[in-house]
Amino acid sequence: MSEGPFTRGVVAAPHAAAAEAGRQILSEGGNAIEAMIAAAATIAAVYPHMTHVGGDGFWLIHQPSRRVHGIEACGFAGERATLRSYLDKGHDEIPTRGPLAALTVPGAIGGWRLANAMAKASGGKLPRTVMMEPAIRAAREGYKVSRSQARLTVDKLYELKDCPGFAETFLVNGKPPAEGTVLKQTALADTLDHLARSGFQDAYRGDIAREFASDLEAIGSPVTRADLQAYYAVERAPLSLAHSLGTLHNMPPPTQGLASLMILGIVDQLESMHGSVTPDTLGFIHRIVEATKRAFLVRDRFVTDYDRLDGDPLAYLRPEALKAEAGKVDMGRALPWPYKPAPGDTIWMGVADSEGRVVSYIQSIYWEFGSGCVSKSTGVLMQNRGASFVLDPRALNPLEPGRRPFHTLNPAMAQLTDGRVFAYGTMGGEGQPQTQAQIFERHVRHGQPLEAALDAPRWLLGRTWGSSVTSLRFEPRFDDAIVAGLDRIGHQTALVDEPYSDTMGHAGGVTLHTDMSLSGAHDPRADGGAAGL
């Protein structure tokens, strides 16, 4: 789970093959950005239920100068994804599986392209062929199906089995593969090899784009070749929060990074107003849960496509705004919580190198296996991120060609007052801001070792992973008296079955220390860890 200290580089990832791919690039002289590109490609080849190249990505990159860059690599709705086209087909909401769910341009590879340009600008010298080699090999020679892929294929088979290309790619003789089964993604291997030789732009404006667009048109996806040609990832200034423990960074809308920073800012204000509390006590949990509710209320009325925002997101991160939100928290009573949460499946990975680069990256296809649609020619599994749009022109996030959907994705980074740089994050849809807060408070504020903070029991407000449960759920390792106490003050609590539940996210972190040594750890709930040199 935890590795370090290291002197040259460290990678944390939810799958061991991705962590090893990043470590291999570091060993060949690559920097943290190049290592992350290798890990991002590899994880698509070995962890396809959680992420793929047909999804989106968001980057935070800390440079040796201590400047933090953000990359927004999320695609927009295709030109044929009109509100009228869905209503005319009899839909009152966007389908979550199948061709009509595959309605947004995949942005992840565009993010790799922009990140690679940043890597080269800061001295990176590795060619794409070297960075892509681990992923190409894993896709072509085969990977072992993980426990979570085997389980989720069974759980979601009825939704996915008829999606174009799914059975041929992810089933064995029409049945879910058992854990340990070796699967290959040969078409994906060919695509990655072509991108390595021709350039990442080929996914949008070259041979890969032509074949991919033809496949999308054949299955009835609203995304066209013109949409692919129009797409570029963009550099986006991160949101930053002045916190008592340092400067905290996350991505701006359309991500929920604002909510993640607001939670930490509100808790910081509560610490100032009411004093500190011990981790995993009733007071500790209540503060973070109530801060989550305050932040989610703001998120749900404000966060939309960056170009369509009604106001400045930084206004919600000013001390006076956070103090006002903290003042609304009743320390002895839970705020009633009826709201509509959103599920999501994602991966977070972190890399740091000894020159001072630290990368926090998150890549997703939204639900497990995304839309379920696999391009026959390219092996690209399409996301279903566009299912978060609403078929109502008056809504905050209505379906509209060219519009970016709301994203649960948000990578986190902290430049701490003690000089450390800590990159961290998790998968888990609605749970991402909550898990981030639990890890930050345990590890940074209260000084728990990172591996202990990741191992500690977690809670989740609302549903994720397609669950219909909206209560405050706990892993059963919490003290029964604490859960009962939270019930008494108005929280609707429930226990999950597993002591280490996937529902609570797959989190991780990497740290650049003041002596330039490096360390990292990843979640025991996942199939990965940390690796370095």
Protein backbone atom coordinates (compact mmCIF):
# COMPACT_ATOMS: atom_id res chain seq x y z
CA MET A 1 0.00 0.00 0.00
CA SER A 2 2.77 2.43 0.94
CA GLU A 3 6.25 2.89 -0.46
CA GLY A 4 9.12 5.23 0.27
CA PRO A 5 10.99 7.28 0.95
CA PHE A 6 12.39 7.46 -2.57
CA THR A 7 14.99 9.76 -4.04
CA ARG A 8 14.08 9.92 -7.75
CA GLY A 9 10.34 9.45 -8.12
CA VAL A 10 7.17 7.82 -6.82
CA VAL A 11 3.88 6.73 -8.42
CA ALA A 12 0.60 5.88 -6.67
CA ALA A 13 -2.12 4.14 -8.67
CA PRO A 14 -5.13 1.86 -8.11
CA HIS A 15 -3.61 -0.91 -10.23
CA ALA A 16 -0.10 -2.29 -9.78
CA ALA A 17 0.57 -2.36 -13.55
CA ALA A 18 -0.10 1.38 -13.84
CA ALA A 19 2.15 2.15 -10.90
CA GLU A 20 4.89 -0.01 -12.44
CA ALA A 21 4.46 1.70 -15.84
CA GLY A 22 5.05 5.08 -14.21
CA ARG A 23 8.01 3.74 -12.25
CA GLN A 24 9.51 2.34 -15.47
CA ILE A 25 9.32 5.75 -17.14
CA LEU A 26 10.97 7.40 -14.14
CA SER A 27 13.75 4.79 -14.27
CA GLU A 28 14.38 5.65 -17.93
CA GLY A 29 14.89 9.31 -17.07
CA GLY A 30 11.36 10.52 -17.57
CA ASN A 31 9.83 13.20 -15.39
CA ALA A 32 6.62 13.02 -13.35
CA ILE A 33 4.42 14.24 -16.21
CA GLU A 34 5.78 11.66 -18.64
CA ALA A 35 5.38 8.95 -16.01
CA MET A 36 1.76 9.96 -15.52
CA ILE A 37 1.03 9.75 -19.25
CA ALA A 38 2.41 6.19 -19.24
CA ALA A 39 0.34 5.29 -16.17
CA ALA A 40 -2.80 6.86 -17.67
CA ALA A 41 -2.49 4.82 -20.86
CA THR A 42 -1.67 1.63 -18.98
CA ILE A 43 -4.58 1.87 -16.57
CA ALA A 44 -6.96 1.99 -19.54
CA ALA A 45 -5.46 -1.28 -20.73
CA VAL A 46 -5.73 -3.11 -17.39
CA TYR A 47 -8.59 -1.43 -15.46
CA PRO A 48 -11.21 -0.78 -18.16
CA HIS A 49 -14.22 -0.91 -15.84
CA MET A 50 -12.89 2.19 -14.07
CA THR A 51 -11.32 4.22 -16.87
CA HIS A 52 -10.48 4.18 -20.56
CA VAL A 53 -9.19 6.39 -23.34
CA GLY A 54 -12.79 7.15 -24.31
CA GLY A 55 -13.19 9.19 -21.13
CA ASP A 56 -12.09 12.54 -19.76
CA GLY A 57 -9.25 13.70 -17.54
CA PHE A 58 -8.17 16.58 -15.30
CA TRP A 59 -4.60 17.42 -14.31
CA LEU A 60 -2.94 19.46 -11.59
CA ILE A 61 0.80 19.84 -12.23
CA HIS A 62 3.12 21.39 -9.65
CA GLN A 63 6.31 22.63 -11.30
CA PRO A 64 9.73 23.08 -9.66
CA SER A 65 8.99 26.83 -9.68
CA ARG A 66 6.05 25.99 -7.32
CA ARG A 67 3.57 27.21 -9.90
CA VAL A 68 0.55 24.89 -10.24
CA HIS A 69 -0.97 24.35 -13.69
CA GLY A 70 -4.37 22.85 -14.46
CA ILE A 71 -5.43 20.95 -17.57
CA GLU A 72 -9.09 20.54 -18.42
CA ALA A 73 -9.43 17.55 -20.75
CA CYS A 74 -13.18 17.07 -20.83
CA GLY A 75 -15.17 16.78 -24.03
CA PHE A 76 -18.35 18.57 -25.04
CA ALA A 77 -21.67 17.20 -26.27
CA GLY A 78 -21.69 16.20 -29.93
CA GLU A 79 -23.37 18.29 -32.61
CA ARG A 80 -26.22 15.78 -32.92
CA ALA A 81 -26.85 15.66 -29.17
CA THR A 82 -29.79 18.03 -29.22
CA LEU A 83 -32.51 18.15 -26.63
CA ARG A 84 -35.14 17.69 -29.35
CA SER A 85 -33.46 14.55 -30.73
CA TYR A 86 -33.75 12.81 -27.36
CA LEU A 87 -37.28 13.99 -26.66
CA ASP A 88 -38.40 12.87 -30.12
CA LYS A 89 -37.10 9.39 -29.35
CA GLY A 90 -39.34 9.28 -26.29
CA HIS A 91 -36.70 9.91 -23.62
CA ASP A 92 -37.47 12.04 -20.58
CA GLU A 93 -33.88 11.63 -19.40
CA ILE A 94 -30.62 10.72 -21.12
CA PRO A 95 -29.97 6.96 -21.33
CA THR A 96 -27.08 5.81 -19.16
CA ARG A 97 -25.95 2.97 -21.45
CA GLY A 98 -25.69 2.44 -25.18
CA PRO A 99 -25.03 4.74 -28.16
CA LEU A 100 -27.24 7.59 -26.94
CA ALA A 101 -25.23 7.65 -23.68
CA ALA A 102 -22.01 8.00 -25.71
CA LEU A 103 -22.74 11.62 -26.51
CA THR A 104 -19.61 13.57 -25.49
CA VAL A 105 -16.19 13.80 -27.15
CA PRO A 106 -13.53 11.85 -25.21
CA GLY A 107 -11.08 14.38 -23.86
CA ALA A 108 -8.46 12.26 -22.07
CA ILE A 109 -6.04 11.82 -24.99
CA GLY A 110 -6.20 15.55 -25.67
CA GLY A 111 -5.07 16.03 -22.08
CA TRP A 112 -2.15 13.66 -22.62
CA ARG A 113 -1.13 15.78 -25.60
CA LEU A 114 -1.17 19.04 -23.65
CA ALA A 115 0.56 17.45 -20.65
CA ASN A 116 3.26 16.05 -22.94
CA ALA A 117 3.88 19.53 -24.31
CA MET A 118 4.31 20.76 -20.71
CA ALA A 119 6.66 17.86 -20.01
CA LYS A 120 8.81 18.75 -22.99
CA ALA A 121 8.79 22.44 -22.03
CA SER A 122 10.21 21.52 -18.63
CA GLY A 123 12.98 19.32 -19.98
CA GLY A 124 11.26 16.01 -20.74
CA LYS A 125 13.00 14.05 -23.47
CA LEU A 126 11.27 10.68 -23.66
CA PRO A 127 9.53 9.85 -26.96
CA ARG A 128 5.89 8.81 -27.01
CA THR A 129 6.89 5.31 -28.10
CA VAL A 130 8.67 4.79 -24.79
CA MET A 131 5.83 6.25 -22.73
CA MET A 132 3.21 4.14 -24.51
CA GLU A 133 5.16 0.86 -24.48
CA PRO A 134 3.82 -0.51 -21.15
CA ALA A 135 0.22 0.18 -22.17
CA ILE A 136 0.63 -1.29 -25.65
CA ARG A 137 2.20 -4.42 -24.20
CA ALA A 138 -0.55 -4.87 -21.58
CA ALA A 139 -3.32 -4.41 -24.14
CA ARG A 140 -1.73 -6.70 -26.74
CA GLU A 141 -0.33 -9.47 -24.55
CA GLY A 142 -3.19 -9.41 -22.08
CA TYR A 143 -3.95 -8.42 -18.50
CA LYS A 144 -5.45 -10.33 -15.59
CA VAL A 145 -9.02 -9.39 -14.73
CA SER A 146 -9.11 -7.79 -11.29
CA ARG A 147 -11.51 -8.67 -8.50
CA SER A 148 -13.47 -5.46 -9.03
CA GLN A 149 -13.73 -5.90 -12.82
CA ALA A 150 -14.99 -9.48 -12.38
CA ARG A 151 -17.59 -8.43 -9.81
CA LEU A 152 -18.82 -5.37 -11.67
CA THR A 153 -19.11 -7.23 -14.97
CA VAL A 154 -21.48 -9.66 -13.25
CA ASP A 155 -23.38 -6.92 -11.42
CA LYS A 156 -23.91 -4.74 -14.50
CA LEU A 157 -24.13 -7.39 -17.22
CA TYR A 158 -27.83 -6.86 -17.87
CA GLU A 159 -27.15 -3.18 -18.63
CA LEU A 160 -24.06 -3.75 -20.76
CA LYS A 161 -24.33 -7.05 -22.63
CA ASP A 162 -26.17 -5.57 -25.63
CA CYS A 163 -24.05 -2.42 -25.97
CA PRO A 164 -22.13 -2.44 -29.29
CA GLY A 165 -18.71 -4.02 -28.87
CA PHE A 166 -18.99 -4.79 -25.16
CA ALA A 167 -19.41 -8.56 -25.29
CA GLU A 168 -16.62 -9.01 -27.83
CA THR A 169 -14.22 -7.00 -25.69
CA PHE A 170 -15.03 -7.77 -22.08
CA LEU A 171 -16.89 -11.12 -22.02
CA VAL A 172 -15.60 -14.65 -22.59
CA ASN A 173 -17.95 -16.78 -24.68
CA GLY A 174 -20.75 -14.41 -23.73
CA LYS A 175 -20.10 -14.70 -20.00
CA PRO A 176 -18.36 -12.47 -17.42
CA PRO A 177 -14.69 -13.40 -16.97
CA ALA A 178 -13.57 -14.77 -13.62
CA GLU A 179 -10.98 -12.94 -11.57
CA GLY A 180 -7.53 -13.77 -12.95
CA THR A 181 -8.76 -14.46 -16.50
CA VAL A 182 -6.38 -13.02 -19.10
CA LEU A 183 -8.12 -10.59 -21.47
CA LYS A 184 -6.61 -8.72 -24.40
CA GLN A 185 -7.61 -5.40 -25.96
CA THR A 186 -5.95 -5.89 -29.34
CA ALA A 187 -7.68 -3.04 -31.16
CA LEU A 188 -6.77 -0.68 -28.31
CA ALA A 189 -3.15 -1.85 -28.53
CA ASP A 190 -3.10 -0.95 -32.23
CA THR A 191 -4.59 2.46 -31.46
CA LEU A 192 -2.07 3.22 -28.73
CA ASP A 193 0.76 2.10 -31.00
CA HIS A 194 -0.50 4.38 -33.78
CA LEU A 195 -0.80 7.32 -31.37
CA ALA A 196 2.72 6.66 -30.11
CA ARG A 197 4.09 6.90 -33.64
CA SER A 198 1.84 9.54 -35.18
CA GLY A 199 1.05 11.75 -32.19
CA PHE A 200 -1.83 12.11 -29.76
CA GLN A 201 -3.57 14.58 -32.09
CA ASP A 202 -4.32 11.66 -34.42
CA ALA A 203 -7.16 10.68 -32.07
CA TYR A 204 -8.98 13.85 -33.14
CA ARG A 205 -7.67 14.84 -36.55
CA GLY A 206 -6.08 11.79 -38.14
CA ASP A 207 -6.54 8.17 -39.12
CA ILE A 208 -7.71 7.10 -35.66
CA ALA A 209 -10.29 9.89 -35.63
CA ARG A 210 -11.61 8.84 -39.04
CA GLU A 211 -12.08 5.20 -38.02
CA PHE A 212 -13.44 6.12 -34.61
CA ALA A 213 -15.98 8.57 -36.03
CA SER A 214 -17.12 6.00 -38.57
CA ASP A 215 -17.77 3.49 -35.77
CA LEU A 216 -19.66 6.06 -33.71
CA GLU A 217 -21.88 6.95 -36.66
CA ALA A 218 -22.55 3.26 -37.35
CA ILE A 219 -23.88 2.63 -33.83
CA GLY A 220 -25.89 5.87 -33.65
CA SER A 221 -23.77 8.00 -31.30
CA PRO A 222 -24.39 11.78 -31.57
CA VAL A 223 -20.61 12.47 -31.75
CA THR A 224 -19.32 13.21 -35.25
CA ARG A 225 -15.93 13.53 -36.89
CA ALA A 226 -16.40 17.29 -36.94
CA ASP A 227 -16.81 17.19 -33.15
CA LEU A 228 -13.53 15.32 -32.80
CA GLN A 229 -11.76 17.79 -35.09
CA ALA A 230 -13.04 20.72 -33.05
CA TYR A 231 -11.79 19.40 -29.70
CA TYR A 232 -8.72 20.59 -27.81
CA ALA A 233 -7.81 20.21 -24.14
CA VAL A 234 -7.15 23.56 -22.50
CA GLU A 235 -4.96 24.88 -19.72
CA ARG A 236 -7.19 26.16 -16.93
CA ALA A 237 -6.04 28.04 -13.85
CA PRO A 238 -6.77 25.94 -10.76
CA LEU A 239 -8.99 27.16 -7.94
CA SER A 240 -6.95 27.95 -4.84
CA LEU A 241 -7.95 28.18 -1.19
CA ALA A 242 -5.97 30.03 1.48
CA HIS A 243 -6.14 27.53 4.35
CA SER A 244 -4.56 27.57 7.81
CA LEU A 245 -2.39 24.61 6.78
CA GLY A 246 -1.32 25.89 3.36
CA THR A 247 -2.58 26.73 -0.11
CA LEU A 248 -4.96 24.10 -1.45
CA HIS A 249 -5.69 23.60 -5.15
CA ASN A 250 -8.37 21.89 -7.19
CA MET A 251 -9.93 22.23 -10.63
CA PRO A 252 -12.62 24.80 -11.46
CA PRO A 253 -16.03 24.03 -13.01
CA PRO A 254 -17.32 21.98 -14.68
CA THR A 255 -15.73 19.83 -11.97
CA GLN A 256 -16.90 19.70 -8.36
CA GLY A 257 -13.45 20.86 -7.24
CA LEU A 258 -15.14 23.95 -5.78
CA ALA A 259 -17.10 21.70 -3.41
CA SER A 260 -13.98 19.83 -2.36
CA LEU A 261 -12.21 23.06 -1.45
CA MET A 262 -15.30 24.49 0.25
CA ILE A 263 -15.56 21.44 2.54
CA LEU A 264 -11.98 21.90 3.71
CA GLY A 265 -12.46 25.65 4.05
CA ILE A 266 -15.65 25.30 6.11
CA VAL A 267 -14.06 22.67 8.38
CA ASP A 268 -11.08 25.01 8.82
CA GLN A 269 -13.47 27.77 9.91
CA LEU A 270 -15.22 25.38 12.31
CA GLU A 271 -11.85 24.48 13.81
CA SER A 272 -11.21 28.17 14.44
CA MET A 273 -14.69 28.78 15.85
CA HIS A 274 -15.10 25.66 18.00
CA GLY A 275 -11.64 24.17 18.53
CA SER A 276 -10.09 20.97 17.32
CA VAL A 277 -11.60 17.48 17.61
CA THR A 278 -10.04 14.03 17.56
CA PRO A 279 -10.32 12.05 14.30
CA ASP A 280 -13.18 9.59 13.96
CA THR A 281 -15.15 10.92 16.90
CA LEU A 282 -18.77 12.05 16.59
CA GLY A 283 -17.72 15.69 16.40
CA PHE A 284 -15.09 15.03 13.72
CA ILE A 285 -17.53 13.17 11.49
CA HIS A 286 -20.41 15.60 12.07
CA ARG A 287 -18.29 18.61 11.07
CA ILE A 288 -17.13 17.12 7.80
CA VAL A 289 -20.60 15.78 6.89
CA GLU A 290 -22.28 19.11 7.58
CA ALA A 291 -19.57 20.98 5.67
CA THR A 292 -20.20 18.57 2.79
CA LYS A 293 -23.88 19.46 2.77
CA ARG A 294 -23.16 23.21 2.73
CA ALA A 295 -20.68 22.78 -0.14
CA PHE A 296 -22.97 20.52 -2.16
CA LEU A 297 -25.82 23.03 -1.91
CA VAL A 298 -23.56 25.66 -3.52
CA ARG A 299 -22.24 23.18 -6.09
CA ASP A 300 -25.71 22.11 -7.19
CA ARG A 301 -26.90 25.65 -7.88
CA PHE A 302 -23.67 27.01 -9.40
CA VAL A 303 -21.34 24.48 -11.09
CA THR A 304 -21.76 24.16 -14.84
CA ASP A 305 -19.70 24.53 -18.03
CA TYR A 306 -16.83 26.93 -17.29
CA ASP A 307 -17.83 29.21 -20.16
CA ARG A 308 -21.41 29.49 -18.87
CA LEU A 309 -20.75 30.24 -15.19
CA ASP A 310 -22.92 32.87 -13.52
CA GLY A 311 -20.29 34.39 -11.28
CA ASP A 312 -16.77 33.80 -10.00
CA PRO A 313 -16.20 30.47 -8.21
CA LEU A 314 -13.44 32.07 -6.14
CA ALA A 315 -16.11 34.17 -4.42
CA TYR A 316 -17.23 31.04 -2.58
CA LEU A 317 -13.68 30.43 -1.31
CA ARG A 318 -13.14 33.82 0.31
CA PRO A 319 -12.78 33.74 4.10
CA GLU A 320 -15.98 35.69 4.70
CA ALA A 321 -18.01 33.34 2.49
CA LEU A 322 -16.61 30.24 4.19
CA LYS A 323 -17.16 31.75 7.64
CA ALA A 324 -20.78 32.45 6.72
CA GLU A 325 -21.27 28.85 5.61
CA ALA A 326 -19.60 27.55 8.78
CA GLY A 327 -21.92 29.74 10.83
CA LYS A 328 -24.90 27.89 9.36
CA VAL A 329 -23.65 24.55 10.71
CA ASP A 330 -25.53 23.40 13.82
CA MET A 331 -22.93 21.59 15.92
CA GLY A 332 -25.62 19.58 17.67
CA ARG A 333 -28.03 18.77 14.86
CA ALA A 334 -27.78 17.39 11.32
CA LEU A 335 -29.19 19.34 8.40
CA PRO A 336 -31.95 17.28 6.71
CA TRP A 337 -30.58 16.06 3.43
CA PRO A 338 -32.92 15.40 0.48
CA TYR A 339 -30.95 15.71 -2.73
CA LYS A 340 -30.25 13.85 -5.93
CA PRO A 341 -26.68 12.53 -5.97
CA ALA A 342 -24.75 11.29 -8.95
CA PRO A 343 -22.84 8.00 -9.31
CA GLY A 344 -19.47 7.68 -10.92
CA ASP A 345 -16.45 5.45 -11.50
CA THR A 346 -13.00 6.90 -11.89
CA ILE A 347 -9.33 6.48 -11.10
CA TRP A 348 -6.94 8.88 -9.36
CA MET A 349 -3.18 8.63 -9.73
CA GLY A 350 -0.27 10.68 -8.44
CA VAL A 351 3.37 11.02 -9.48
CA ALA A 352 6.20 13.09 -8.03
CA ASP A 353 9.82 13.44 -9.09
CA SER A 354 12.95 14.69 -7.36
CA GLU A 355 13.11 17.89 -9.40
CA GLY A 356 9.93 19.19 -7.77
CA ARG A 357 7.22 18.14 -10.20
CA VAL A 358 4.11 16.69 -8.59
CA VAL A 359 1.11 15.51 -10.61
CA SER A 360 -2.43 14.87 -9.40
CA TYR A 361 -4.47 13.27 -12.18
CA ILE A 362 -7.96 11.88 -12.47
CA GLN A 363 -9.36 10.03 -15.49
CA SER A 364 -12.84 8.62 -15.88
CA ILE A 365 -15.53 7.08 -18.09
CA TYR A 366 -18.19 8.05 -15.47
CA TRP A 367 -20.14 4.84 -14.61
CA GLU A 368 -18.49 1.43 -14.55
CA PHE A 369 -17.63 0.61 -18.20
CA GLY A 370 -19.10 4.01 -19.21
CA SER A 371 -21.63 3.79 -22.02
CA GLY A 372 -20.62 0.16 -22.64
CA CYS A 373 -19.97 0.96 -26.31
CA VAL A 374 -16.61 -0.09 -27.76
CA SER A 375 -15.39 1.16 -31.13
CA LYS A 376 -14.66 -1.94 -33.22
CA SER A 377 -11.87 -0.31 -35.22
CA THR A 378 -10.05 1.47 -32.40
CA GLY A 379 -10.95 -0.45 -29.23
CA VAL A 380 -11.98 2.80 -27.52
CA LEU A 381 -14.58 2.35 -24.77
CA MET A 382 -16.83 5.43 -24.74
CA GLN A 383 -17.77 7.21 -21.56
CA ASN A 384 -21.34 8.05 -20.53
CA ARG A 385 -20.45 11.37 -18.89
CA GLY A 386 -23.16 13.10 -20.91
CA ALA A 387 -25.80 11.27 -18.86
CA SER A 388 -25.31 14.05 -16.29
CA PHE A 389 -27.02 16.51 -18.66
CA VAL A 390 -30.71 17.25 -18.13
CA LEU A 391 -33.39 17.28 -20.86
CA ASP A 392 -34.75 20.62 -19.66
CA PRO A 393 -33.56 23.88 -21.23
CA ARG A 394 -34.23 25.71 -17.93
CA ALA A 395 -31.88 23.47 -15.90
CA LEU A 396 -28.39 24.44 -14.75
CA ASN A 397 -26.82 21.78 -16.97
CA PRO A 398 -29.14 21.25 -19.95
CA LEU A 399 -28.19 19.12 -22.91
CA GLU A 400 -26.82 21.30 -25.69
CA PRO A 401 -24.32 20.59 -28.48
CA GLY A 402 -20.90 21.97 -27.61
CA ARG A 403 -21.64 22.15 -23.88
CA ARG A 404 -19.40 20.47 -21.28
CA PRO A 405 -21.22 18.26 -18.76
CA PHE A 406 -20.93 18.50 -14.98
CA HIS A 407 -17.99 16.48 -13.69
CA THR A 408 -17.55 14.73 -10.37
CA LEU A 409 -13.85 14.44 -11.26
CA ASN A 410 -11.49 16.63 -9.23
CA PRO A 411 -7.79 16.09 -8.52
CA ALA A 412 -6.44 17.74 -5.35
CA MET A 413 -3.11 19.23 -4.38
CA ALA A 414 -1.83 21.06 -1.31
CA GLN A 415 1.21 23.28 -0.89
CA LEU A 416 1.55 22.96 2.88
CA THR A 417 2.94 25.57 5.24
CA ASP A 418 5.64 23.11 6.37
CA GLY A 419 6.99 23.03 2.80
CA ARG A 420 5.61 19.67 1.64
CA VAL A 421 3.63 19.30 -1.57
CA PHE A 422 0.87 16.71 -1.22
CA ALA A 423 -1.08 15.46 -4.24
CA TYR A 424 -4.11 13.32 -3.44
CA GLY A 425 -7.46 12.18 -4.76
CA THR A 426 -9.90 9.34 -5.18
CA MET A 427 -12.52 7.84 -7.41
CA GLY A 428 -16.11 7.61 -6.22
CA GLY A 429 -18.44 10.16 -7.82
CA GLU A 430 -20.25 12.02 -5.02
CA GLY A 431 -17.81 10.49 -2.57
CA GLN A 432 -14.74 12.19 -4.03
CA PRO A 433 -14.94 15.47 -2.05
CA GLN A 434 -15.89 13.53 1.10
CA THR A 435 -13.01 11.06 0.89
CA GLN A 436 -10.59 13.86 0.04
CA ALA A 437 -11.69 15.71 3.18
CA GLN A 438 -11.34 12.64 5.40
CA ILE A 439 -7.81 11.95 4.13
CA PHE A 440 -6.71 15.58 4.36
CA GLU A 441 -8.03 16.05 7.88
CA ARG A 442 -6.57 12.78 9.17
CA HIS A 443 -3.21 13.04 7.42
CA VAL A 444 -2.45 16.76 7.20
CA ARG A 445 -4.27 18.32 10.16
CA HIS A 446 -3.94 15.44 12.62
CA GLY A 447 -0.65 13.97 11.44
CA GLN A 448 -1.69 10.41 10.77
CA PRO A 449 0.72 8.58 8.41
CA LEU A 450 -0.76 8.56 4.93
CA GLU A 451 -1.12 4.78 4.86
CA ALA A 452 -3.05 4.92 8.15
CA ALA A 453 -5.31 7.70 6.88
CA LEU A 454 -6.06 5.65 3.75
CA ASP A 455 -6.68 2.48 5.76
CA ALA A 456 -9.01 4.14 8.29
CA PRO A 457 -12.75 3.44 8.04
CA ARG A 458 -14.76 5.84 5.89
CA TRP A 459 -18.23 7.18 5.54
CA LEU A 460 -20.24 8.37 2.54
CA LEU A 461 -23.18 10.77 2.40
CA GLY A 462 -25.53 9.87 -0.45
CA ARG A 463 -25.27 7.24 -3.11
CA THR A 464 -22.65 6.28 -5.62
CA TRP A 465 -21.89 3.29 -7.88
CA GLY A 466 -25.57 3.10 -8.90
CA SER A 467 -26.86 2.48 -5.35
CA SER A 468 -30.31 3.85 -4.46
CA VAL A 469 -29.33 4.39 -0.80
CA THR A 470 -29.04 8.08 0.17
CA SER A 471 -28.28 7.76 3.88
CA LEU A 472 -24.99 8.40 5.68
CA ARG A 473 -23.24 5.06 5.30
CA PHE A 474 -20.33 3.74 7.32
CA GLU A 475 -17.86 0.94 6.98
CA PRO A 476 -18.53 -1.41 9.92
CA ARG A 477 -15.15 -0.71 11.54
CA PHE A 478 -16.53 2.43 13.22
CA ASP A 479 -17.45 2.29 16.91
CA ASP A 480 -21.17 1.44 17.21
CA ALA A 481 -21.61 4.16 19.84
CA ILE A 482 -20.40 6.85 17.43
CA VAL A 483 -22.83 5.76 14.71
CA ALA A 484 -25.68 5.63 17.25
CA GLY A 485 -24.75 9.11 18.46
CA LEU A 486 -24.89 10.48 14.91
CA ASP A 487 -28.34 8.90 14.55
CA ARG A 488 -29.51 10.71 17.68
CA ILE A 489 -28.58 14.13 16.29
CA GLY A 490 -30.46 13.56 13.04
CA HIS A 491 -28.16 11.71 10.66
CA GLN A 492 -29.84 8.81 8.88
CA THR A 493 -27.11 6.20 9.20
CA ALA A 494 -26.54 2.76 7.73
CA LEU A 495 -23.68 0.27 7.58
CA VAL A 496 -22.21 -1.24 4.43
CA ASP A 497 -21.38 -4.94 4.42
CA GLU A 498 -17.64 -4.84 3.75
CA PRO A 499 -15.03 -3.51 6.21
CA TYR A 500 -13.08 -2.17 3.20
CA SER A 501 -15.75 -1.21 0.68
CA ASP A 502 -15.23 -0.07 -2.92
CA THR A 503 -18.20 2.22 -2.28
CA MET A 504 -15.93 4.44 -0.20
CA GLY A 505 -13.54 5.11 -3.08
CA HIS A 506 -10.02 4.16 -4.09
CA ALA A 507 -7.83 6.96 -2.73
CA GLY A 508 -4.13 7.69 -2.77
CA GLY A 509 -1.48 10.33 -2.36
CA VAL A 510 2.12 11.25 -3.15
CA THR A 511 4.28 13.72 -1.22
CA LEU A 512 7.30 15.80 -2.15
CA HIS A 513 9.11 16.44 1.15
CA THR A 514 11.23 19.46 1.98
CA ASP A 515 14.45 17.43 1.64
CA MET A 516 13.25 16.48 -1.89
CA SER A 517 12.61 12.88 -0.86
CA LEU A 518 9.37 11.33 -2.07
CA SER A 519 6.75 9.00 -0.68
CA GLY A 520 3.37 7.66 -1.69
CA ALA A 521 0.58 5.29 -0.77
CA HIS A 522 -2.59 3.91 -2.31
CA ASP A 523 -5.82 2.47 -0.99
CA PRO A 524 -6.12 -1.08 0.35
CA ARG A 525 -9.61 -1.10 -1.23
CA ALA A 526 -8.05 -1.04 -4.72
CA ASP A 527 -5.72 -3.32 -6.69
CA GLY A 528 -2.67 -1.10 -6.77
CA GLY A 529 -0.16 0.61 -4.56
CA ALA A 530 2.85 2.87 -4.78
CA ALA A 531 6.13 2.27 -6.60
CA GLY A 532 9.24 4.36 -7.00
CA LEU A 533 12.98 4.58 -7.11
